[in-house]
Amino acid sequence: MTWRERFAMARRAQRLGAATAENLTPPDPSTYGGYGTNTWVVPPSRVTTPERIFLGDDVTILEHAFLSVVAAVPGVTPTLRIGDRTRIGRLAHIACVGEVEIGADVLASERIFIGDTYHGYEDPTKPVIQQPMAAPRAVRIEEGAFLGIGCAVLLGVTVGAHAYVAAGAVVTRDVPDRSLAVGNPARVVRRWDERAARWVDTGPQR
């Protein structure tokens, strides 16, 4: 390798490092649609369209999160809201082109995925990356819920208040309040019986 090639490689690495540092530095709080007191988006993290992101008070989003809020569907303005005292673990990916709302006091583990849309696959002759996004369907994680490590919550789903989504679950339909969902696709296996004041098994679901 000549000295010119080594020099070019070093310059490219320098430019790449600078771009990475810039892209993974969360925006200033003043650029968000709302940014509460004692709230932290811990670097390195990637945030797009911060003006459409509304964070409550005492919110913590840990390292390597990706808050991907993108106007990808004509006529749809995306909005991501995260309520007070919510904690989101490292490597979380929230993909929002429509509406994603995470309530107060939610605890989300590492490597979770929440998405309100998906890449279309109508034309199998085209790479998926070149196909348009599907129409979004709102996702809601209600107050006090828990999302286990590595779980995915997909479009159109509501995870109810104080519900528990187990590690690795793929949630494709609503999870009622105060219930436990496990598996892929996720199914509710236990729920809290208000009258009896105890947990009850729901039995196998199809």
N, C-alpha and C. Protein backbone atom coordinates (compact mmCIF):
# COMPACT_ATOMS: atom_id res chain seq x y z
N MET A 1 0.84 -1.19 0.00
CA MET A 1 0.00 0.00 0.00
C MET A 1 0.88 1.24 0.00
N THR A 2 0.60 2.17 -0.88
CA THR A 2 1.40 3.38 -0.99
C THR A 2 1.04 4.35 0.14
N TRP A 3 1.89 5.38 0.31
CA TRP A 3 1.61 6.36 1.37
C TRP A 3 0.35 7.15 1.04
N ARG A 4 0.06 7.36 -0.26
CA ARG A 4 -1.17 8.06 -0.64
C ARG A 4 -2.41 7.26 -0.26
N GLU A 5 -2.35 5.94 -0.49
CA GLU A 5 -3.48 5.09 -0.11
C GLU A 5 -3.67 5.06 1.40
N ARG A 6 -2.56 5.00 2.14
CA ARG A 6 -2.65 5.02 3.60
C ARG A 6 -3.23 6.35 4.08
N PHE A 7 -2.79 7.41 3.46
CA PHE A 7 -3.28 8.75 3.83
C PHE A 7 -4.78 8.87 3.55
N ALA A 8 -5.20 8.37 2.38
CA ALA A 8 -6.63 8.42 2.02
C ALA A 8 -7.47 7.60 3.00
N MET A 9 -6.96 6.42 3.38
CA MET A 9 -7.68 5.59 4.34
C MET A 9 -7.79 6.29 5.69
N ALA A 10 -6.73 6.93 6.12
CA ALA A 10 -6.74 7.62 7.41
C ALA A 10 -7.73 8.79 7.39
N ARG A 11 -7.77 9.54 6.29
CA ARG A 11 -8.71 10.65 6.17
C ARG A 11 -10.15 10.15 6.18
N ARG A 12 -10.39 9.04 5.47
CA ARG A 12 -11.74 8.49 5.43
C ARG A 12 -12.18 8.04 6.82
N ALA A 13 -11.26 7.37 7.55
CA ALA A 13 -11.58 6.93 8.91
C ALA A 13 -11.86 8.13 9.82
N GLN A 14 -11.10 9.21 9.62
CA GLN A 14 -11.31 10.41 10.42
C GLN A 14 -12.68 11.02 10.15
N ARG A 15 -13.04 11.11 8.86
CA ARG A 15 -14.35 11.67 8.50
C ARG A 15 -15.48 10.79 9.03
N LEU A 16 -15.31 9.46 8.91
CA LEU A 16 -16.33 8.53 9.40
C LEU A 16 -16.50 8.64 10.91
N GLY A 17 -15.38 8.75 11.62
CA GLY A 17 -15.45 8.90 13.06
C GLY A 17 -16.16 10.18 13.47
N ALA A 18 -15.87 11.28 12.78
CA ALA A 18 -16.52 12.56 13.10
C ALA A 18 -18.01 12.50 12.81
N ALA A 19 -18.38 11.88 11.67
CA ALA A 19 -19.80 11.77 11.33
C ALA A 19 -20.54 10.89 12.33
N THR A 20 -19.89 9.79 12.74
CA THR A 20 -20.51 8.89 13.71
C THR A 20 -20.73 9.61 15.04
N ALA A 21 -19.71 10.33 15.49
CA ALA A 21 -19.84 11.07 16.76
C ALA A 21 -20.98 12.08 16.69
N GLU A 22 -21.12 12.75 15.55
CA GLU A 22 -22.19 13.74 15.40
C GLU A 22 -23.56 13.05 15.38
N ASN A 23 -23.68 11.97 14.61
CA ASN A 23 -24.97 11.29 14.49
C ASN A 23 -25.41 10.62 15.77
N LEU A 24 -24.46 10.21 16.61
CA LEU A 24 -24.80 9.50 17.84
C LEU A 24 -24.80 10.41 19.06
N THR A 25 -24.72 11.71 18.84
CA THR A 25 -24.88 12.67 19.93
C THR A 25 -26.32 13.13 19.95
N PRO A 26 -27.07 12.82 21.01
CA PRO A 26 -28.48 13.23 21.04
C PRO A 26 -28.64 14.73 20.87
N PRO A 27 -29.72 15.17 20.21
CA PRO A 27 -29.93 16.60 20.01
C PRO A 27 -30.08 17.35 21.34
N ASP A 28 -29.87 18.65 21.28
CA ASP A 28 -30.07 19.49 22.45
C ASP A 28 -31.53 19.41 22.90
N PRO A 29 -31.79 19.39 24.21
CA PRO A 29 -33.17 19.32 24.69
C PRO A 29 -34.10 20.37 24.10
N SER A 30 -33.58 21.52 23.75
CA SER A 30 -34.41 22.59 23.22
C SER A 30 -34.99 22.27 21.85
N THR A 31 -34.45 21.26 21.17
CA THR A 31 -34.93 20.92 19.83
C THR A 31 -36.10 19.93 19.85
N TYR A 32 -36.39 19.34 21.00
CA TYR A 32 -37.49 18.38 21.09
C TYR A 32 -38.82 19.10 21.15
N GLY A 33 -39.88 18.38 20.76
CA GLY A 33 -41.22 18.94 20.92
C GLY A 33 -41.54 19.18 22.38
N GLY A 34 -41.03 18.33 23.26
CA GLY A 34 -41.16 18.48 24.70
C GLY A 34 -40.07 17.69 25.37
N TYR A 35 -39.47 18.26 26.40
CA TYR A 35 -38.35 17.60 27.09
C TYR A 35 -38.45 17.97 28.55
N GLY A 36 -38.89 17.02 29.40
CA GLY A 36 -39.17 17.30 30.80
C GLY A 36 -37.93 17.52 31.64
N THR A 37 -38.19 17.87 32.89
CA THR A 37 -37.10 18.08 33.83
C THR A 37 -36.52 16.73 34.27
N ASN A 38 -35.21 16.75 34.52
CA ASN A 38 -34.49 15.55 34.98
C ASN A 38 -34.65 14.39 34.00
N THR A 39 -34.69 14.71 32.71
CA THR A 39 -34.83 13.71 31.65
C THR A 39 -33.50 13.56 30.93
N TRP A 40 -33.17 12.31 30.54
CA TRP A 40 -31.87 12.04 29.93
C TRP A 40 -32.03 11.10 28.74
N VAL A 41 -31.45 11.49 27.61
CA VAL A 41 -31.20 10.57 26.50
C VAL A 41 -29.69 10.40 26.47
N VAL A 42 -29.23 9.24 26.92
CA VAL A 42 -27.81 9.05 27.20
C VAL A 42 -27.06 8.75 25.91
N PRO A 43 -25.99 9.49 25.62
CA PRO A 43 -25.19 9.18 24.44
C PRO A 43 -24.31 7.95 24.69
N PRO A 44 -23.91 7.27 23.60
CA PRO A 44 -24.30 7.53 22.22
C PRO A 44 -25.70 7.00 21.93
N SER A 45 -26.52 7.83 21.30
CA SER A 45 -27.86 7.44 20.87
C SER A 45 -28.19 8.21 19.60
N ARG A 46 -29.04 7.61 18.77
CA ARG A 46 -29.41 8.24 17.49
C ARG A 46 -30.87 8.69 17.58
N VAL A 47 -31.12 9.96 17.27
CA VAL A 47 -32.46 10.54 17.37
C VAL A 47 -32.75 11.29 16.08
N THR A 48 -33.88 10.98 15.44
CA THR A 48 -34.28 11.71 14.24
C THR A 48 -35.58 12.45 14.50
N THR A 49 -35.70 13.61 13.91
CA THR A 49 -36.88 14.48 14.00
C THR A 49 -37.26 14.74 15.47
N PRO A 50 -36.36 15.30 16.25
CA PRO A 50 -36.64 15.50 17.68
C PRO A 50 -37.83 16.42 17.94
N GLU A 51 -38.15 17.29 16.99
CA GLU A 51 -39.30 18.19 17.19
C GLU A 51 -40.62 17.46 17.25
N ARG A 52 -40.65 16.17 16.85
CA ARG A 52 -41.86 15.36 16.93
C ARG A 52 -41.78 14.33 18.06
N ILE A 53 -40.84 14.56 18.99
CA ILE A 53 -40.67 13.68 20.14
C ILE A 53 -40.98 14.47 21.40
N PHE A 54 -41.82 13.89 22.26
CA PHE A 54 -42.27 14.57 23.48
C PHE A 54 -41.95 13.67 24.68
N LEU A 55 -41.00 14.11 25.49
CA LEU A 55 -40.55 13.33 26.64
C LEU A 55 -41.02 14.01 27.92
N GLY A 56 -41.58 13.20 28.85
CA GLY A 56 -42.04 13.74 30.12
C GLY A 56 -40.91 13.97 31.09
N ASP A 57 -41.26 14.16 32.36
CA ASP A 57 -40.28 14.38 33.42
C ASP A 57 -39.67 13.06 33.88
N ASP A 58 -38.41 13.13 34.29
CA ASP A 58 -37.71 11.98 34.89
C ASP A 58 -37.66 10.77 33.96
N VAL A 59 -37.58 11.00 32.66
CA VAL A 59 -37.45 9.92 31.67
C VAL A 59 -35.95 9.61 31.49
N THR A 60 -35.61 8.33 31.42
CA THR A 60 -34.24 7.93 31.12
C THR A 60 -34.24 6.95 29.96
N ILE A 61 -33.48 7.28 28.92
CA ILE A 61 -33.29 6.40 27.77
C ILE A 61 -31.80 6.13 27.67
N LEU A 62 -31.41 4.88 27.85
CA LEU A 62 -29.99 4.56 27.98
C LEU A 62 -29.29 4.43 26.63
N GLU A 63 -28.00 4.11 26.70
CA GLU A 63 -27.10 4.18 25.56
C GLU A 63 -27.54 3.34 24.36
N HIS A 64 -27.16 3.83 23.19
CA HIS A 64 -27.36 3.14 21.91
C HIS A 64 -28.83 2.96 21.55
N ALA A 65 -29.68 3.81 22.08
CA ALA A 65 -31.07 3.81 21.64
C ALA A 65 -31.15 4.43 20.25
N PHE A 66 -32.20 4.06 19.50
CA PHE A 66 -32.49 4.65 18.20
C PHE A 66 -33.95 5.09 18.21
N LEU A 67 -34.17 6.38 18.35
CA LEU A 67 -35.51 6.94 18.27
C LEU A 67 -35.71 7.42 16.84
N SER A 68 -36.29 6.54 16.01
CA SER A 68 -36.42 6.79 14.58
C SER A 68 -37.83 7.30 14.30
N VAL A 69 -37.97 8.60 14.26
CA VAL A 69 -39.26 9.25 14.00
C VAL A 69 -39.15 9.90 12.62
N VAL A 70 -39.90 9.36 11.66
CA VAL A 70 -39.70 9.74 10.27
C VAL A 70 -41.04 9.98 9.58
N ALA A 71 -41.13 11.07 8.85
CA ALA A 71 -42.32 11.34 8.02
C ALA A 71 -42.16 10.56 6.72
N ALA A 72 -42.60 9.29 6.74
CA ALA A 72 -42.36 8.39 5.62
C ALA A 72 -43.62 8.07 4.82
N VAL A 73 -44.79 8.47 5.34
CA VAL A 73 -46.05 8.19 4.67
C VAL A 73 -46.73 9.52 4.36
N PRO A 74 -47.05 9.79 3.09
CA PRO A 74 -47.64 11.08 2.73
C PRO A 74 -48.90 11.38 3.55
N GLY A 75 -48.95 12.62 4.05
CA GLY A 75 -50.11 13.05 4.81
C GLY A 75 -50.13 12.65 6.26
N VAL A 76 -49.10 11.94 6.73
CA VAL A 76 -49.04 11.48 8.13
C VAL A 76 -47.87 12.16 8.82
N THR A 77 -48.16 12.85 9.93
CA THR A 77 -47.13 13.50 10.73
C THR A 77 -46.82 12.62 11.94
N PRO A 78 -45.59 12.14 12.07
CA PRO A 78 -45.29 11.21 13.16
C PRO A 78 -45.20 11.91 14.51
N THR A 79 -45.54 11.17 15.56
CA THR A 79 -45.44 11.68 16.92
C THR A 79 -45.05 10.54 17.86
N LEU A 80 -43.99 10.76 18.63
CA LEU A 80 -43.57 9.83 19.68
C LEU A 80 -43.69 10.53 21.02
N ARG A 81 -44.44 9.91 21.94
CA ARG A 81 -44.61 10.47 23.29
C ARG A 81 -44.17 9.42 24.31
N ILE A 82 -43.41 9.87 25.30
CA ILE A 82 -42.95 9.00 26.38
C ILE A 82 -43.26 9.70 27.69
N GLY A 83 -43.99 8.98 28.57
CA GLY A 83 -44.51 9.60 29.79
C GLY A 83 -43.51 9.67 30.92
N ASP A 84 -43.92 10.37 31.98
CA ASP A 84 -43.09 10.63 33.14
C ASP A 84 -42.55 9.34 33.77
N ARG A 85 -41.31 9.41 34.19
CA ARG A 85 -40.64 8.37 34.99
C ARG A 85 -40.44 7.05 34.24
N THR A 86 -40.58 7.07 32.96
CA THR A 86 -40.35 5.85 32.17
C THR A 86 -38.85 5.60 32.00
N ARG A 87 -38.46 4.34 32.03
CA ARG A 87 -37.05 3.93 31.87
C ARG A 87 -36.96 2.98 30.68
N ILE A 88 -36.06 3.29 29.76
CA ILE A 88 -35.86 2.46 28.57
C ILE A 88 -34.39 2.04 28.52
N GLY A 89 -34.16 0.73 28.39
CA GLY A 89 -32.81 0.19 28.45
C GLY A 89 -32.00 0.42 27.19
N ARG A 90 -30.78 -0.07 27.22
CA ARG A 90 -29.85 0.11 26.12
C ARG A 90 -30.32 -0.59 24.84
N LEU A 91 -29.87 -0.06 23.70
CA LEU A 91 -30.08 -0.69 22.40
C LEU A 91 -31.55 -0.80 22.02
N ALA A 92 -32.38 0.07 22.59
CA ALA A 92 -33.79 0.09 22.22
C ALA A 92 -33.97 0.74 20.85
N HIS A 93 -34.93 0.22 20.08
CA HIS A 93 -35.23 0.78 18.76
C HIS A 93 -36.73 1.06 18.71
N ILE A 94 -37.06 2.34 18.57
CA ILE A 94 -38.46 2.75 18.44
C ILE A 94 -38.62 3.37 17.06
N ALA A 95 -39.42 2.71 16.21
CA ALA A 95 -39.62 3.15 14.82
C ALA A 95 -41.03 3.72 14.70
N CYS A 96 -41.11 5.01 14.46
CA CYS A 96 -42.40 5.71 14.46
C CYS A 96 -42.55 6.52 13.18
N VAL A 97 -43.56 6.17 12.37
CA VAL A 97 -43.91 7.01 11.23
C VAL A 97 -45.33 7.54 11.38
N GLY A 98 -46.02 7.10 12.44
CA GLY A 98 -47.37 7.57 12.71
C GLY A 98 -47.48 8.02 14.16
N GLU A 99 -47.90 7.10 15.04
CA GLU A 99 -48.07 7.45 16.45
C GLU A 99 -47.62 6.30 17.34
N VAL A 100 -46.67 6.60 18.21
CA VAL A 100 -46.24 5.68 19.26
C VAL A 100 -46.34 6.44 20.57
N GLU A 101 -47.08 5.87 21.53
CA GLU A 101 -47.24 6.50 22.83
C GLU A 101 -46.88 5.51 23.92
N ILE A 102 -45.92 5.90 24.75
CA ILE A 102 -45.47 5.10 25.89
C ILE A 102 -45.85 5.87 27.14
N GLY A 103 -46.63 5.24 28.01
CA GLY A 103 -47.16 5.94 29.17
C GLY A 103 -46.16 6.16 30.27
N ALA A 104 -46.67 6.63 31.40
CA ALA A 104 -45.83 6.90 32.57
C ALA A 104 -45.44 5.60 33.27
N ASP A 105 -44.30 5.64 33.92
CA ASP A 105 -43.84 4.54 34.79
C ASP A 105 -43.69 3.21 34.05
N VAL A 106 -43.38 3.27 32.77
CA VAL A 106 -43.10 2.05 32.00
C VAL A 106 -41.63 1.68 32.19
N LEU A 107 -41.36 0.40 32.34
CA LEU A 107 -39.99 -0.11 32.42
C LEU A 107 -39.74 -1.00 31.22
N ALA A 108 -38.77 -0.63 30.39
CA ALA A 108 -38.44 -1.38 29.19
C ALA A 108 -36.99 -1.85 29.28
N SER A 109 -36.78 -3.12 29.04
CA SER A 109 -35.45 -3.71 29.14
C SER A 109 -34.60 -3.39 27.91
N GLU A 110 -33.43 -3.99 27.85
CA GLU A 110 -32.53 -3.80 26.71
C GLU A 110 -33.07 -4.48 25.45
N ARG A 111 -32.68 -3.93 24.30
CA ARG A 111 -32.89 -4.53 22.99
C ARG A 111 -34.37 -4.70 22.63
N ILE A 112 -35.21 -3.83 23.14
CA ILE A 112 -36.62 -3.91 22.74
C ILE A 112 -36.80 -3.25 21.37
N PHE A 113 -37.87 -3.63 20.68
CA PHE A 113 -38.26 -2.98 19.43
C PHE A 113 -39.74 -2.62 19.51
N ILE A 114 -40.07 -1.39 19.16
CA ILE A 114 -41.45 -0.94 19.06
C ILE A 114 -41.59 -0.29 17.69
N GLY A 115 -42.55 -0.75 16.88
CA GLY A 115 -42.71 -0.19 15.54
C GLY A 115 -44.17 -0.10 15.14
N ASP A 116 -44.55 1.02 14.53
CA ASP A 116 -45.94 1.21 14.12
C ASP A 116 -46.15 1.01 12.61
N THR A 117 -45.15 0.46 11.94
CA THR A 117 -45.26 0.19 10.50
C THR A 117 -44.25 -0.89 10.12
N TYR A 118 -44.13 -1.16 8.82
CA TYR A 118 -43.15 -2.11 8.32
C TYR A 118 -42.87 -1.77 6.86
N HIS A 119 -41.78 -2.27 6.33
CA HIS A 119 -41.50 -2.10 4.90
C HIS A 119 -42.45 -2.98 4.09
N GLY A 120 -43.04 -2.39 3.07
CA GLY A 120 -43.92 -3.15 2.19
C GLY A 120 -43.16 -4.24 1.44
N TYR A 121 -43.92 -5.24 0.95
CA TYR A 121 -43.31 -6.33 0.20
C TYR A 121 -44.25 -6.75 -0.92
N GLU A 122 -44.86 -5.72 -1.53
CA GLU A 122 -45.81 -6.01 -2.61
C GLU A 122 -45.13 -6.45 -3.90
N ASP A 123 -43.93 -5.93 -4.12
CA ASP A 123 -43.21 -6.22 -5.36
C ASP A 123 -41.96 -7.04 -5.05
N PRO A 124 -42.00 -8.36 -5.21
CA PRO A 124 -40.85 -9.18 -4.84
C PRO A 124 -39.65 -9.03 -5.78
N THR A 125 -39.81 -8.26 -6.86
CA THR A 125 -38.68 -8.02 -7.76
C THR A 125 -37.80 -6.87 -7.28
N LYS A 126 -38.28 -6.11 -6.28
CA LYS A 126 -37.52 -4.97 -5.77
C LYS A 126 -36.93 -5.30 -4.40
N PRO A 127 -35.75 -4.75 -4.11
CA PRO A 127 -35.24 -4.89 -2.74
C PRO A 127 -36.23 -4.29 -1.75
N VAL A 128 -36.36 -4.91 -0.61
CA VAL A 128 -37.31 -4.43 0.40
C VAL A 128 -37.02 -2.99 0.79
N ILE A 129 -35.75 -2.62 0.86
CA ILE A 129 -35.39 -1.27 1.28
C ILE A 129 -35.93 -0.20 0.33
N GLN A 130 -36.21 -0.58 -0.92
CA GLN A 130 -36.73 0.38 -1.90
C GLN A 130 -38.26 0.43 -1.92
N GLN A 131 -38.91 -0.37 -1.12
CA GLN A 131 -40.37 -0.41 -1.13
C GLN A 131 -40.93 0.53 -0.06
N PRO A 132 -42.12 1.07 -0.28
CA PRO A 132 -42.66 2.07 0.65
C PRO A 132 -43.06 1.46 1.98
N MET A 133 -43.15 2.33 2.97
CA MET A 133 -43.61 1.90 4.28
C MET A 133 -45.12 1.68 4.24
N ALA A 134 -45.57 0.69 4.98
CA ALA A 134 -47.00 0.44 5.11
C ALA A 134 -47.65 1.55 5.92
N ALA A 135 -48.95 1.74 5.73
CA ALA A 135 -49.68 2.73 6.53
C ALA A 135 -49.51 2.40 8.01
N PRO A 136 -49.14 3.38 8.84
CA PRO A 136 -48.91 3.08 10.25
C PRO A 136 -50.20 2.83 11.01
N ARG A 137 -50.07 2.06 12.07
CA ARG A 137 -51.16 1.83 13.03
C ARG A 137 -50.62 2.09 14.42
N ALA A 138 -51.30 2.91 15.17
CA ALA A 138 -50.79 3.42 16.44
C ALA A 138 -50.42 2.29 17.40
N VAL A 139 -49.34 2.51 18.13
CA VAL A 139 -48.89 1.59 19.19
C VAL A 139 -48.95 2.34 20.51
N ARG A 140 -49.50 1.66 21.52
CA ARG A 140 -49.59 2.27 22.85
C ARG A 140 -49.10 1.28 23.91
N ILE A 141 -48.20 1.77 24.74
CA ILE A 141 -47.74 1.03 25.91
C ILE A 141 -48.28 1.82 27.10
N GLU A 142 -49.24 1.26 27.80
CA GLU A 142 -49.91 2.03 28.83
C GLU A 142 -49.14 2.03 30.15
N GLU A 143 -49.55 2.89 31.06
CA GLU A 143 -48.78 3.18 32.26
C GLU A 143 -48.48 1.93 33.08
N GLY A 144 -47.25 1.92 33.60
CA GLY A 144 -46.85 0.86 34.51
C GLY A 144 -46.54 -0.47 33.89
N ALA A 145 -46.53 -0.56 32.56
CA ALA A 145 -46.25 -1.83 31.89
C ALA A 145 -44.75 -2.14 31.93
N PHE A 146 -44.45 -3.42 31.65
CA PHE A 146 -43.06 -3.88 31.59
C PHE A 146 -42.83 -4.58 30.26
N LEU A 147 -41.70 -4.25 29.61
CA LEU A 147 -41.30 -4.90 28.37
C LEU A 147 -39.99 -5.65 28.62
N GLY A 148 -40.03 -6.97 28.48
CA GLY A 148 -38.86 -7.79 28.78
C GLY A 148 -37.77 -7.68 27.73
N ILE A 149 -36.61 -8.14 28.08
CA ILE A 149 -35.43 -8.02 27.22
C ILE A 149 -35.68 -8.69 25.87
N GLY A 150 -35.35 -7.97 24.80
CA GLY A 150 -35.44 -8.53 23.46
C GLY A 150 -36.84 -8.69 22.90
N CYS A 151 -37.84 -8.09 23.53
CA CYS A 151 -39.20 -8.26 23.00
C CYS A 151 -39.47 -7.26 21.88
N ALA A 152 -40.51 -7.54 21.09
CA ALA A 152 -40.93 -6.66 19.99
C ALA A 152 -42.42 -6.41 20.11
N VAL A 153 -42.81 -5.14 19.98
CA VAL A 153 -44.21 -4.75 20.00
C VAL A 153 -44.51 -4.14 18.63
N LEU A 154 -45.42 -4.78 17.90
CA LEU A 154 -45.62 -4.43 16.50
C LEU A 154 -46.85 -3.55 16.30
N LEU A 155 -47.05 -3.12 15.06
CA LEU A 155 -48.03 -2.10 14.74
C LEU A 155 -49.43 -2.46 15.18
N GLY A 156 -50.16 -1.43 15.63
CA GLY A 156 -51.55 -1.59 16.01
C GLY A 156 -51.79 -2.19 17.38
N VAL A 157 -50.72 -2.43 18.14
CA VAL A 157 -50.85 -3.13 19.42
C VAL A 157 -50.96 -2.13 20.57
N THR A 158 -51.81 -2.47 21.54
CA THR A 158 -51.85 -1.78 22.83
C THR A 158 -51.44 -2.78 23.91
N VAL A 159 -50.42 -2.42 24.66
CA VAL A 159 -50.03 -3.18 25.85
C VAL A 159 -50.65 -2.47 27.03
N GLY A 160 -51.54 -3.16 27.74
CA GLY A 160 -52.35 -2.53 28.77
C GLY A 160 -51.57 -2.10 30.00
N ALA A 161 -52.26 -1.35 30.85
CA ALA A 161 -51.66 -0.84 32.08
C ALA A 161 -51.22 -1.99 32.97
N HIS A 162 -49.99 -1.88 33.48
CA HIS A 162 -49.43 -2.85 34.42
C HIS A 162 -49.31 -4.25 33.82
N ALA A 163 -49.33 -4.34 32.50
CA ALA A 163 -49.11 -5.65 31.84
C ALA A 163 -47.62 -5.97 31.83
N TYR A 164 -47.34 -7.26 31.67
CA TYR A 164 -45.97 -7.76 31.69
C TYR A 164 -45.73 -8.55 30.40
N VAL A 165 -44.80 -8.06 29.58
CA VAL A 165 -44.42 -8.74 28.34
C VAL A 165 -43.09 -9.44 28.59
N ALA A 166 -43.08 -10.74 28.45
CA ALA A 166 -41.90 -11.53 28.82
C ALA A 166 -40.76 -11.34 27.82
N ALA A 167 -39.57 -11.74 28.23
CA ALA A 167 -38.38 -11.65 27.39
C ALA A 167 -38.59 -12.38 26.06
N GLY A 168 -38.20 -11.73 24.97
CA GLY A 168 -38.25 -12.35 23.66
C GLY A 168 -39.62 -12.46 23.03
N ALA A 169 -40.66 -11.97 23.69
CA ALA A 169 -42.01 -12.07 23.13
C ALA A 169 -42.15 -11.17 21.90
N VAL A 170 -42.95 -11.62 20.95
CA VAL A 170 -43.27 -10.82 19.77
C VAL A 170 -44.77 -10.53 19.82
N VAL A 171 -45.12 -9.30 20.14
CA VAL A 171 -46.50 -8.94 20.44
C VAL A 171 -47.18 -8.44 19.17
N THR A 172 -48.15 -9.21 18.69
CA THR A 172 -48.86 -8.88 17.45
C THR A 172 -50.32 -8.51 17.69
N ARG A 173 -50.79 -8.68 18.94
CA ARG A 173 -52.16 -8.29 19.27
C ARG A 173 -52.18 -7.75 20.69
N ASP A 174 -53.28 -7.10 21.05
CA ASP A 174 -53.35 -6.39 22.32
C ASP A 174 -53.11 -7.31 23.52
N VAL A 175 -52.47 -6.72 24.52
CA VAL A 175 -52.26 -7.39 25.80
C VAL A 175 -53.11 -6.65 26.83
N PRO A 176 -54.07 -7.32 27.47
CA PRO A 176 -54.95 -6.63 28.41
C PRO A 176 -54.20 -6.10 29.64
N ASP A 177 -54.85 -5.21 30.36
CA ASP A 177 -54.30 -4.72 31.62
C ASP A 177 -53.99 -5.89 32.56
N ARG A 178 -52.92 -5.74 33.32
CA ARG A 178 -52.57 -6.67 34.40
C ARG A 178 -52.61 -8.13 33.94
N SER A 179 -51.87 -8.37 32.86
CA SER A 179 -51.78 -9.74 32.36
C SER A 179 -50.34 -10.01 31.94
N LEU A 180 -50.04 -11.31 31.76
CA LEU A 180 -48.70 -11.75 31.38
C LEU A 180 -48.75 -12.35 29.99
N ALA A 181 -47.92 -11.81 29.07
CA ALA A 181 -47.85 -12.30 27.69
C ALA A 181 -46.47 -12.88 27.43
N VAL A 182 -46.44 -14.07 26.80
CA VAL A 182 -45.17 -14.75 26.51
C VAL A 182 -45.21 -15.31 25.09
N GLY A 183 -44.02 -15.54 24.51
CA GLY A 183 -43.92 -16.32 23.29
C GLY A 183 -43.92 -15.52 22.00
N ASN A 184 -43.87 -16.28 20.89
CA ASN A 184 -43.86 -15.73 19.53
C ASN A 184 -44.76 -16.59 18.65
N PRO A 185 -45.93 -16.05 18.25
CA PRO A 185 -46.47 -14.74 18.66
C PRO A 185 -46.90 -14.78 20.11
N ALA A 186 -46.88 -13.61 20.76
CA ALA A 186 -47.17 -13.56 22.18
C ALA A 186 -48.62 -13.96 22.47
N ARG A 187 -48.81 -14.66 23.57
CA ARG A 187 -50.15 -15.04 24.02
C ARG A 187 -50.24 -14.77 25.51
N VAL A 188 -51.43 -14.44 25.96
CA VAL A 188 -51.64 -14.14 27.37
C VAL A 188 -51.83 -15.45 28.12
N VAL A 189 -51.01 -15.70 29.14
CA VAL A 189 -51.07 -16.96 29.88
C VAL A 189 -51.56 -16.77 31.31
N ARG A 190 -51.52 -15.53 31.82
CA ARG A 190 -52.04 -15.26 33.15
C ARG A 190 -52.67 -13.87 33.16
N ARG A 191 -53.65 -13.71 34.02
CA ARG A 191 -54.24 -12.38 34.21
C ARG A 191 -54.64 -12.21 35.66
N TRP A 192 -54.76 -10.96 36.07
CA TRP A 192 -55.15 -10.66 37.43
C TRP A 192 -56.67 -10.58 37.52
N ASP A 193 -57.24 -11.38 38.40
CA ASP A 193 -58.69 -11.39 38.61
C ASP A 193 -59.02 -10.39 39.72
N GLU A 194 -59.66 -9.29 39.34
CA GLU A 194 -59.95 -8.23 40.30
C GLU A 194 -60.87 -8.71 41.42
N ARG A 195 -61.89 -9.48 41.07
CA ARG A 195 -62.84 -9.92 42.09
C ARG A 195 -62.21 -10.86 43.10
N ALA A 196 -61.43 -11.82 42.59
CA ALA A 196 -60.79 -12.79 43.48
C ALA A 196 -59.49 -12.27 44.08
N ALA A 197 -58.98 -11.17 43.53
CA ALA A 197 -57.71 -10.58 43.98
C ALA A 197 -56.58 -11.61 43.92
N ARG A 198 -56.51 -12.31 42.76
CA ARG A 198 -55.43 -13.29 42.58
C ARG A 198 -55.18 -13.49 41.09
N TRP A 199 -54.01 -14.08 40.80
CA TRP A 199 -53.68 -14.42 39.43
C TRP A 199 -54.42 -15.69 39.01
N VAL A 200 -54.87 -15.72 37.74
CA VAL A 200 -55.50 -16.93 37.21
C VAL A 200 -54.86 -17.25 35.87
N ASP A 201 -54.70 -18.55 35.59
CA ASP A 201 -54.18 -18.99 34.30
C ASP A 201 -55.29 -18.86 33.25
N THR A 202 -54.90 -18.44 32.06
CA THR A 202 -55.89 -18.27 30.99
C THR A 202 -55.97 -19.49 30.09
N GLY A 203 -55.04 -20.44 30.23
CA GLY A 203 -55.07 -21.64 29.40
C GLY A 203 -54.44 -21.38 28.04
N PRO A 204 -54.28 -22.43 27.23
CA PRO A 204 -53.66 -22.27 25.91
C PRO A 204 -54.53 -21.43 24.99
N GLN A 205 -53.86 -20.63 24.12
CA GLN A 205 -54.56 -19.80 23.15
C GLN A 205 -54.05 -20.12 21.76
N ARG A 206 -54.93 -19.99 20.80
CA ARG A 206 -54.54 -20.21 19.41
C ARG A 206 -54.53 -18.89 18.67
